[in-house]
Amino acid sequence: MQDLPARFREELDRPYSLSAEQIAAYRSDGFIRLPGVFSKELLEFFAEQITSIVSAEDPNVLPLEERNAYAQAFIQITNLWERHEAIRPFSLNLRCARIANELLGCEGVRMWHDQALYKETGGGATPWHVDQFFWPMSSGLSITAWIPLQATSVEAGALAFAVGTQETDHGRRFGISERGESEIAASLSAAGIRVVAEPYELGDVSFHYGFTFHRADPNQTEETRAAMTMIYMDRDMRVAEPADAFQEYDQKRWAPGCAVGDPIASPLNPILYEREGAK
């Protein structure tokens, strides 16, 4: 894989200016799409390498039509930074981590994990869900950065968000499933919740709370929708009692050696940013 040019290293460390209005909008709506977080050239550089990894590590062996709703929604490759040195500067970049911390309002943020999410041509909808369904965390101070690796239309599978749902339960205990899609959709509709689905320009990055309900349409285009995500959490997050087998698995996988009540501070959870003067 190619060496990372110095100009990209500088870009990955450079602060992104957030306004007070943007921070307030995020905390009210539960999500925000920020323009121009990364340059076209940087994303094209990493997209080539991430796509090569996804192609080599794709776990799916069944054709699309024979997979369950989860596997139809996307190809998922996790923790690239752990195995691929070339991707580490992108996954652990200071620019996104600082944005995440400012939006959350924490003393600092740690890595939970990264993941590539590729929605194939003809790939199914990503059902309504909340990310934190899977995570045994002691608070809602988690945040996902969603980074499309090409300009992404709603028809290709850009994320749609249910506004202001980060503190309301419209079906948090449904995973990514057909039943969750229908029951959460019905709950959101009955409550009159506004849904925002907008296209992303290349360079746009969205951030959403772990408890914000979101989904994506099927990929109706002729190209694979490629996206990279980084998931951050409050630096002081602790392991909560797992609610089910999914959370038991994630505790072991993403917080190895951390018992219930312990800080989530394993070698897989490095601190990526701390605000100046943090205690």
Protein backbone atom coordinates (compact mmCIF):
# COMPACT_ATOMS: atom_id res chain seq x y z
CA MET A 1 0.00 0.00 0.00
CA GLN A 2 1.08 3.56 -0.65
CA ASP A 3 2.88 5.69 1.92
CA LEU A 4 0.80 8.51 3.36
CA PRO A 5 1.80 11.88 1.86
CA ALA A 6 2.79 14.57 4.36
CA ARG A 7 -0.04 16.86 3.21
CA PHE A 8 -2.59 14.22 4.21
CA ARG A 9 -0.99 13.78 7.64
CA GLU A 10 -1.33 17.52 8.18
CA GLU A 11 -4.97 17.47 7.06
CA LEU A 12 -5.83 14.60 9.41
CA ASP A 13 -4.45 16.59 12.36
CA ARG A 14 -5.86 19.99 11.41
CA PRO A 15 -8.78 21.27 13.54
CA TYR A 16 -12.20 21.66 11.94
CA SER A 17 -13.98 24.81 13.07
CA LEU A 18 -17.35 24.10 14.68
CA SER A 19 -19.74 26.90 15.52
CA ALA A 20 -21.81 27.10 18.70
CA GLU A 21 -24.90 26.82 16.48
CA GLN A 22 -23.67 23.55 14.95
CA ILE A 23 -22.95 22.06 18.36
CA ALA A 24 -26.39 23.11 19.63
CA ALA A 25 -28.06 21.66 16.53
CA TYR A 26 -26.27 18.36 17.02
CA ARG A 27 -27.31 18.07 20.65
CA SER A 28 -30.91 18.93 19.79
CA ASP A 29 -31.32 16.85 16.62
CA GLY A 30 -29.03 13.95 17.56
CA PHE A 31 -27.04 14.21 14.32
CA ILE A 32 -25.32 16.67 12.03
CA ARG A 33 -23.84 16.51 8.53
CA LEU A 34 -20.73 18.69 8.26
CA PRO A 35 -19.44 19.89 4.87
CA GLY A 36 -15.86 19.67 3.72
CA VAL A 37 -14.40 17.76 6.64
CA PHE A 38 -11.94 16.02 4.32
CA SER A 39 -10.51 16.82 0.91
CA LYS A 40 -11.46 14.88 -2.20
CA GLU A 41 -7.84 13.83 -2.68
CA LEU A 42 -7.46 12.41 0.82
CA LEU A 43 -10.67 10.40 0.60
CA GLU A 44 -9.77 9.01 -2.82
CA PHE A 45 -6.37 7.97 -1.44
CA PHE A 46 -7.88 6.01 1.44
CA ALA A 47 -10.87 4.74 -0.55
CA GLU A 48 -8.58 2.79 -2.89
CA GLN A 49 -6.90 1.06 0.03
CA ILE A 50 -10.04 0.44 2.08
CA THR A 51 -11.83 -0.99 -0.95
CA SER A 52 -8.94 -3.40 -1.51
CA ILE A 53 -9.24 -4.59 2.11
CA VAL A 54 -13.02 -4.99 1.87
CA SER A 55 -12.69 -7.05 -1.30
CA ALA A 56 -10.13 -9.33 0.34
CA GLU A 57 -11.97 -9.73 3.65
CA ASP A 58 -15.65 -9.79 2.56
CA PRO A 59 -17.17 -12.54 4.74
CA ASN A 60 -20.28 -13.08 2.60
CA VAL A 61 -20.48 -16.35 0.71
CA LEU A 62 -24.19 -16.31 -0.16
CA PRO A 63 -25.70 -14.27 -3.01
CA LEU A 64 -27.56 -11.13 -1.91
CA GLU A 65 -31.03 -12.62 -2.24
CA GLU A 66 -30.17 -15.48 0.14
CA ARG A 67 -28.77 -13.35 2.96
CA ASN A 68 -30.63 -12.03 6.02
CA ALA A 69 -31.55 -8.33 6.34
CA TYR A 70 -28.30 -7.50 8.12
CA ALA A 71 -26.06 -9.08 5.47
CA GLN A 72 -28.14 -7.62 2.64
CA ALA A 73 -27.71 -4.13 4.05
CA PHE A 74 -23.93 -3.94 3.75
CA ILE A 75 -20.56 -5.65 3.74
CA GLN A 76 -19.08 -4.92 7.17
CA ILE A 77 -15.35 -5.07 7.93
CA THR A 78 -14.39 -3.99 11.45
CA ASN A 79 -11.31 -2.57 13.14
CA LEU A 80 -9.22 -2.01 10.07
CA TRP A 81 -6.82 0.08 12.16
CA GLU A 82 -5.99 -2.95 14.28
CA ARG A 83 -4.74 -5.02 11.32
CA HIS A 84 -3.77 -2.54 8.60
CA GLU A 85 -1.05 -0.04 9.39
CA ALA A 86 -1.82 2.03 6.29
CA ILE A 87 -5.39 2.73 7.46
CA ARG A 88 -4.43 3.61 11.03
CA PRO A 89 -3.79 7.35 10.40
CA PHE A 90 -7.30 7.67 8.94
CA SER A 91 -9.12 5.65 11.59
CA LEU A 92 -7.29 7.33 14.47
CA ASN A 93 -7.23 10.82 12.99
CA LEU A 94 -7.27 13.78 15.33
CA ARG A 95 -9.58 15.88 13.15
CA CYS A 96 -12.66 13.63 13.53
CA ALA A 97 -11.89 12.78 17.15
CA ARG A 98 -11.79 16.47 18.06
CA ILE A 99 -15.12 17.08 16.31
CA ALA A 100 -16.65 14.11 18.15
CA ASN A 101 -15.42 15.41 21.49
CA GLU A 102 -16.73 18.93 20.89
CA LEU A 103 -20.14 17.60 19.87
CA LEU A 104 -20.35 15.31 22.90
CA GLY A 105 -18.93 17.88 25.32
CA CYS A 106 -16.64 15.38 27.06
CA GLU A 107 -13.20 15.75 28.62
CA GLY A 108 -11.93 13.43 25.89
CA VAL A 109 -12.89 10.57 23.58
CA ARG A 110 -11.66 7.03 23.06
CA MET A 111 -11.95 4.71 20.12
CA TRP A 112 -14.67 2.07 20.29
CA HIS A 113 -14.00 0.67 16.85
CA ASP A 114 -13.90 1.55 13.17
CA GLN A 115 -15.71 -0.23 10.36
CA ALA A 116 -16.04 -0.15 6.60
CA LEU A 117 -19.66 -0.42 5.45
CA TYR A 118 -20.06 -1.14 1.74
CA LYS A 119 -23.56 -1.38 0.25
CA GLU A 120 -23.42 -3.33 -2.99
CA THR A 121 -25.44 -2.51 -6.10
CA GLY A 122 -28.85 -3.96 -5.34
CA GLY A 123 -27.98 -4.14 -1.63
CA GLY A 124 -30.98 -3.96 0.67
CA ALA A 125 -32.13 -1.21 2.98
CA THR A 126 -30.32 -0.68 6.25
CA PRO A 127 -33.25 -1.08 8.68
CA TRP A 128 -34.09 1.48 11.35
CA HIS A 129 -31.89 0.94 14.40
CA VAL A 130 -29.70 2.58 17.02
CA ASP A 131 -26.00 1.71 17.06
CA GLN A 132 -25.82 1.46 20.83
CA PHE A 133 -28.18 -1.55 20.73
CA PHE A 134 -24.98 -3.57 20.36
CA TRP A 135 -22.76 -1.81 22.91
CA PRO A 136 -22.59 -2.39 26.69
CA MET A 137 -21.94 1.24 27.64
CA SER A 138 -22.78 3.07 30.86
CA SER A 139 -24.09 6.25 29.19
CA GLY A 140 -25.35 7.58 25.87
CA LEU A 141 -22.15 9.52 25.22
CA SER A 142 -21.14 7.60 22.12
CA ILE A 143 -20.95 9.01 18.61
CA THR A 144 -20.47 7.61 15.13
CA ALA A 145 -18.69 9.48 12.33
CA TRP A 146 -20.06 8.30 8.95
CA ILE A 147 -17.70 9.09 6.07
CA PRO A 148 -18.86 8.26 2.54
CA LEU A 149 -15.95 7.60 0.20
CA GLN A 150 -17.77 9.03 -2.83
CA ALA A 151 -20.56 11.52 -3.37
CA THR A 152 -23.58 9.60 -2.09
CA SER A 153 -27.21 10.11 -3.01
CA VAL A 154 -30.19 8.96 -0.97
CA GLU A 155 -30.83 6.41 -3.74
CA ALA A 156 -27.35 4.97 -3.18
CA GLY A 157 -27.88 4.57 0.57
CA ALA A 158 -27.06 7.87 2.27
CA LEU A 159 -28.08 7.83 5.93
CA ALA A 160 -31.50 9.06 7.03
CA PHE A 161 -31.99 10.26 10.61
CA ALA A 162 -35.04 10.49 12.87
CA VAL A 163 -34.72 13.97 14.35
CA GLY A 164 -34.32 14.31 18.10
CA THR A 165 -34.69 10.61 18.89
CA GLN A 166 -31.47 10.17 20.88
CA GLU A 167 -33.35 10.34 24.18
CA THR A 168 -36.55 8.52 23.22
CA ASP A 169 -37.21 4.82 22.87
CA HIS A 170 -38.98 3.94 19.65
CA GLY A 171 -37.56 0.42 19.66
CA ARG A 172 -34.00 0.49 20.95
CA ARG A 173 -34.04 -3.24 21.63
CA PHE A 174 -34.53 -4.13 17.99
CA GLY A 175 -31.36 -4.98 16.12
CA ILE A 176 -30.83 -4.55 12.40
CA SER A 177 -33.74 -6.66 11.22
CA GLU A 178 -36.90 -6.62 9.11
CA ARG A 179 -39.04 -6.61 12.24
CA GLY A 180 -37.11 -3.67 13.65
CA GLU A 181 -37.54 -1.75 10.38
CA SER A 182 -41.33 -2.10 10.42
CA GLU A 183 -41.95 -1.63 14.14
CA ILE A 184 -39.59 1.31 14.58
CA ALA A 185 -40.96 2.97 11.43
CA ALA A 186 -44.49 2.62 12.79
CA SER A 187 -43.46 4.08 16.16
CA LEU A 188 -41.70 7.05 14.57
CA SER A 189 -44.66 7.72 12.28
CA ALA A 190 -47.17 7.54 15.13
CA ALA A 191 -45.09 10.05 17.11
CA GLY A 192 -44.83 12.43 14.14
CA ILE A 193 -41.03 12.29 14.13
CA ARG A 194 -39.41 14.16 11.24
CA VAL A 195 -36.96 12.15 9.13
CA VAL A 196 -34.07 13.84 7.32
CA ALA A 197 -32.43 12.11 4.34
CA GLU A 198 -30.05 14.19 2.25
CA PRO A 199 -27.25 13.50 -0.26
CA TYR A 200 -23.61 13.80 0.79
CA GLU A 201 -20.97 15.54 -1.26
CA LEU A 202 -17.54 13.94 -1.23
CA GLY A 203 -15.89 15.35 1.90
CA ASP A 204 -19.08 15.61 3.96
CA VAL A 205 -19.10 13.68 7.24
CA SER A 206 -22.08 13.09 9.49
CA PHE A 207 -22.00 12.45 13.21
CA HIS A 208 -24.80 10.87 15.24
CA TYR A 209 -25.35 9.75 18.80
CA GLY A 210 -25.30 6.03 19.52
CA PHE A 211 -29.00 6.26 20.42
CA THR A 212 -30.15 8.29 17.40
CA PHE A 213 -32.44 6.24 15.15
CA HIS A 214 -31.24 6.02 11.57
CA ARG A 215 -31.53 3.92 8.42
CA ALA A 216 -30.57 3.92 4.73
CA ASP A 217 -32.40 3.08 1.52
CA PRO A 218 -31.36 0.19 -0.74
CA ASN A 219 -28.58 0.94 -3.20
CA GLN A 220 -30.47 1.59 -6.41
CA THR A 221 -27.40 2.79 -8.35
CA GLU A 222 -24.85 0.97 -10.49
CA GLU A 223 -21.97 1.58 -8.09
CA THR A 224 -21.16 0.20 -4.65
CA ARG A 225 -21.74 2.72 -1.86
CA ALA A 226 -18.52 2.83 0.10
CA ALA A 227 -18.41 4.32 3.59
CA MET A 228 -15.98 4.30 6.50
CA THR A 229 -17.08 4.88 10.07
CA MET A 230 -15.27 5.69 13.28
CA ILE A 231 -17.08 5.19 16.58
CA TYR A 232 -16.02 7.21 19.60
CA MET A 233 -17.11 7.25 23.23
CA ASP A 234 -16.64 9.39 26.30
CA ARG A 235 -13.11 8.92 27.61
CA ASP A 236 -14.61 7.93 30.99
CA MET A 237 -17.16 5.41 29.65
CA ARG A 238 -17.59 2.24 31.73
CA VAL A 239 -18.77 -1.24 30.86
CA ALA A 240 -22.48 -1.70 31.56
CA GLU A 241 -24.05 -5.04 32.35
CA PRO A 242 -24.62 -6.62 28.92
CA ALA A 243 -28.31 -6.72 28.01
CA ASP A 244 -28.01 -9.69 25.65
CA ALA A 245 -25.65 -11.91 23.69
CA PHE A 246 -24.85 -9.11 21.23
CA GLN A 247 -23.55 -6.90 24.02
CA GLU A 248 -21.72 -9.80 25.66
CA TYR A 249 -19.90 -10.37 22.37
CA ASP A 250 -19.06 -6.68 21.96
CA GLN A 251 -17.75 -6.45 25.52
CA LYS A 252 -15.32 -9.29 24.81
CA ARG A 253 -14.41 -8.07 21.33
CA TRP A 254 -14.09 -4.32 21.76
CA ALA A 255 -13.28 -4.03 25.48
CA PRO A 256 -11.14 -7.12 26.14
CA GLY A 257 -10.23 -7.55 29.78
CA CYS A 258 -12.69 -4.87 30.95
CA ALA A 259 -15.24 -6.17 33.47
CA VAL A 260 -18.68 -4.72 34.19
CA GLY A 261 -18.16 -1.39 35.97
CA ASP A 262 -14.60 -0.96 34.70
CA PRO A 263 -13.53 1.93 32.47
CA ILE A 264 -13.49 0.89 28.83
CA ALA A 265 -9.77 1.39 28.51
CA SER A 266 -8.28 -1.68 26.85
CA PRO A 267 -5.48 -1.44 24.26
CA LEU A 268 -8.26 -1.37 21.63
CA ASN A 269 -9.68 1.84 23.16
CA PRO A 270 -6.93 4.46 22.95
CA ILE A 271 -7.68 8.04 23.91
CA LEU A 272 -7.76 9.88 20.58
CA TYR A 273 -8.39 13.40 21.83
CA GLU A 274 -8.54 15.28 25.12
CA ARG A 275 -9.57 18.87 25.43
CA GLU A 276 -6.97 21.32 26.67
CA GLY A 277 -6.91 21.33 30.45
CA ALA A 278 -8.87 18.08 30.75
CA LYS A 279 -8.65 16.47 34.17
